[in-house]
C-alpha atoms as a PDB file:
ATOM      1  CA  MET A   1     -15.516 170.317 233.408  1.00  0.00           C
ATOM      2  CA  ILE A   2     -12.954 168.372 231.450  1.00  0.00           C
ATOM      3  CA  GLU A   3      -9.063 169.189 232.177  1.00  0.00           C
ATOM      4  CA  ILE A   4      -7.680 169.880 228.832  1.00  0.00           C
ATOM      5  CA  THR A   5      -4.533 167.462 228.320  1.00  0.00           C
ATOM      6  CA  GLU A   6      -3.006 165.588 225.479  1.00  0.00           C
ATOM      7  CA  ASP A   7      -4.623 162.536 227.087  1.00  0.00           C
ATOM      8  CA  LEU A   8      -7.892 163.410 225.750  1.00  0.00           C
ATOM      9  CA  MET A   9      -6.926 162.432 222.278  1.00  0.00           C
ATOM     10  CA  TRP A  10      -6.855 158.702 223.228  1.00  0.00           C
ATOM     11  CA  ASP A  11      -7.908 158.084 226.637  1.00  0.00           C
ATOM     12  CA  ASP A  12     -11.249 159.054 228.437  1.00  0.00           C
ATOM     13  CA  PRO A  13     -11.083 161.331 231.256  1.00  0.00           C
ATOM     14  CA  GLU A  14     -12.375 159.811 234.607  1.00  0.00           C
ATOM     15  CA  GLY A  15     -15.974 159.684 234.836  1.00  0.00           C
ATOM     16  CA  TYR A  16     -16.568 159.791 231.051  1.00  0.00           C
ATOM     17  CA  LYS A  17     -16.965 157.273 228.174  1.00  0.00           C
ATOM     18  CA  THR A  18     -16.371 157.446 224.401  1.00  0.00           C
ATOM     19  CA  VAL A  19     -19.444 157.372 222.378  1.00  0.00           C
ATOM     20  CA  GLN A  20     -17.921 158.269 218.973  1.00  0.00           C
ATOM     21  CA  GLN A  21     -14.554 157.000 218.059  1.00  0.00           C
ATOM     22  CA  SER A  22     -11.885 159.619 216.727  1.00  0.00           C
ATOM     23  CA  ARG A  23     -12.699 160.703 213.071  1.00  0.00           C
ATOM     24  CA  VAL A  24     -11.220 162.999 210.569  1.00  0.00           C
ATOM     25  CA  THR A  25     -12.865 166.549 210.507  1.00  0.00           C
ATOM     26  CA  TYR A  26     -10.715 167.970 207.798  1.00  0.00           C
ATOM     27  CA  GLN A  27      -7.372 167.461 206.001  1.00  0.00           C
ATOM     28  CA  GLY A  28      -5.188 170.125 204.937  1.00  0.00           C
ATOM     29  CA  ARG A  29      -1.575 170.248 203.603  1.00  0.00           C
ATOM     30  CA  TRP A  30       0.069 170.316 206.955  1.00  0.00           C
ATOM     31  CA  SER A  31      -2.449 169.385 209.407  1.00  0.00           C
ATOM     32  CA  VAL A  32      -5.558 167.120 209.898  1.00  0.00           C
ATOM     33  CA  GLY A  33      -8.288 168.004 212.294  1.00  0.00           C
ATOM     34  CA  MET A  34      -9.657 165.194 214.515  1.00  0.00           C
ATOM     35  CA  ARG A  35     -12.616 164.883 216.614  1.00  0.00           C
ATOM     36  CA  ARG A  36     -14.049 162.303 219.213  1.00  0.00           C
ATOM     37  CA  VAL A  37     -17.218 162.599 221.439  1.00  0.00           C
ATOM     38  CA  VAL A  38     -17.411 161.574 225.114  1.00  0.00           C
ATOM     39  CA  GLN A  39     -20.268 161.440 227.424  1.00  0.00           C
ATOM     40  CA  CYS A  40     -20.295 162.475 231.205  1.00  0.00           C
ATOM     41  CA  GLN A  41     -21.553 159.615 233.276  1.00  0.00           C
ATOM     42  CA  THR A  42     -22.938 161.755 236.161  1.00  0.00           C
ATOM     43  CA  THR A  43     -24.635 164.392 233.827  1.00  0.00           C
ATOM     44  CA  GLY A  44     -25.381 162.626 230.777  1.00  0.00           C
ATOM     45  CA  ARG A  45     -23.929 165.546 228.743  1.00  0.00           C
ATOM     46  CA  PHE A  46     -21.813 165.010 225.639  1.00  0.00           C
ATOM     47  CA  TYR A  47     -18.533 166.764 224.836  1.00  0.00           C
ATOM     48  CA  GLY A  48     -16.740 166.998 221.605  1.00  0.00           C
ATOM     49  CA  ILE A  49     -12.929 166.861 221.897  1.00  0.00           C
ATOM     50  CA  TYR A  50     -11.351 168.597 218.819  1.00  0.00           C
ATOM     51  CA  TRP A  51      -7.449 168.559 218.072  1.00  0.00           C
ATOM     52  CA  THR A  52      -4.985 168.755 215.189  1.00  0.00           C
ATOM     53  CA  GLU A  53      -2.369 166.158 214.333  1.00  0.00           C
ATOM     54  CA  GLY A  54       0.468 166.502 211.576  1.00  0.00           C
ATOM     55  CA  SER A  55      -0.563 165.247 208.079  1.00  0.00           C
ATOM     56  CA  THR A  56       2.644 162.855 208.007  1.00  0.00           C
ATOM     57  CA  GLU A  57       4.274 160.701 210.515  1.00  0.00           C
ATOM     58  CA  ARG A  58       7.620 162.538 210.128  1.00  0.00           C
ATOM     59  CA  GLN A  59       6.000 166.009 210.563  1.00  0.00           C
ATOM     60  CA  ASP A  60       6.604 167.441 214.151  1.00  0.00           C
ATOM     61  CA  HIS A  61       3.338 168.777 215.504  1.00  0.00           C
ATOM     62  CA  GLU A  62       3.701 169.336 219.161  1.00  0.00           C
ATOM     63  CA  ASP A  63       0.926 172.043 219.497  1.00  0.00           C
ATOM     64  CA  HIS A  64      -2.083 169.954 219.086  1.00  0.00           C
ATOM     65  CA  ASP A  65      -4.667 172.950 219.821  1.00  0.00           C
ATOM     66  CA  ILE A  66      -6.952 170.700 221.804  1.00  0.00           C
ATOM     67  CA  GLN A  67     -10.453 172.059 222.325  1.00  0.00           C
ATOM     68  CA  VAL A  68     -13.582 170.694 224.163  1.00  0.00           C
ATOM     69  CA  GLN A  69     -17.075 171.896 223.780  1.00  0.00           C
ATOM     70  CA  GLU A  70     -20.529 170.718 224.539  1.00  0.00           C
ATOM     71  CA  VAL A  71     -22.339 168.836 221.582  1.00  0.00           C
ATOM     72  CA  PHE A  72     -25.773 167.539 221.355  1.00  0.00           C
ATOM     73  CA  PRO A  73     -26.828 164.083 219.910  1.00  0.00           C
ATOM     74  CA  TYR A  74     -29.153 164.088 216.866  1.00  0.00           C
ATOM     75  CA  ALA A  75     -30.850 161.430 214.746  1.00  0.00           C
ATOM     76  CA  THR A  76     -30.429 160.906 211.029  1.00  0.00           C
ATOM     77  CA  VAL A  77     -32.679 159.249 208.612  1.00  0.00           C
ATOM     78  CA  ASP A  78     -31.717 157.327 205.300  1.00  0.00           C
ATOM     79  CA  TYR A  79     -33.940 157.008 202.475  1.00  0.00           C
ATOM     80  CA  ASP A  80     -33.903 154.198 199.877  1.00  0.00           C
ATOM     81  CA  THR A  81     -35.548 154.533 196.648  1.00  0.00           C
ATOM     82  CA  VAL A  82     -37.445 151.432 195.644  1.00  0.00           C
ATOM     83  CA  LYS A  83     -38.223 150.698 191.881  1.00  0.00           C
ATOM     84  CA  ARG A  84     -41.657 149.413 191.285  1.00  0.00           C
END
């Protein structure tokens, strides 16, 4: 299992690679929720790394509330409407 440290927000743990870069999951007045996804190189499993950041660069936000949970890939389909 992945050791939970602040490094998870930016660096890949040893034996893992990033498959989805950091993206915003929610934005509140005081904090922003972030997520990125890494894949274990030995098992092929995917893990979502979730954390919060302060909403402004001047805001102290020392508790990032980092969480890791297994996630699963899925396919999406886009449809285009064509006029005849």
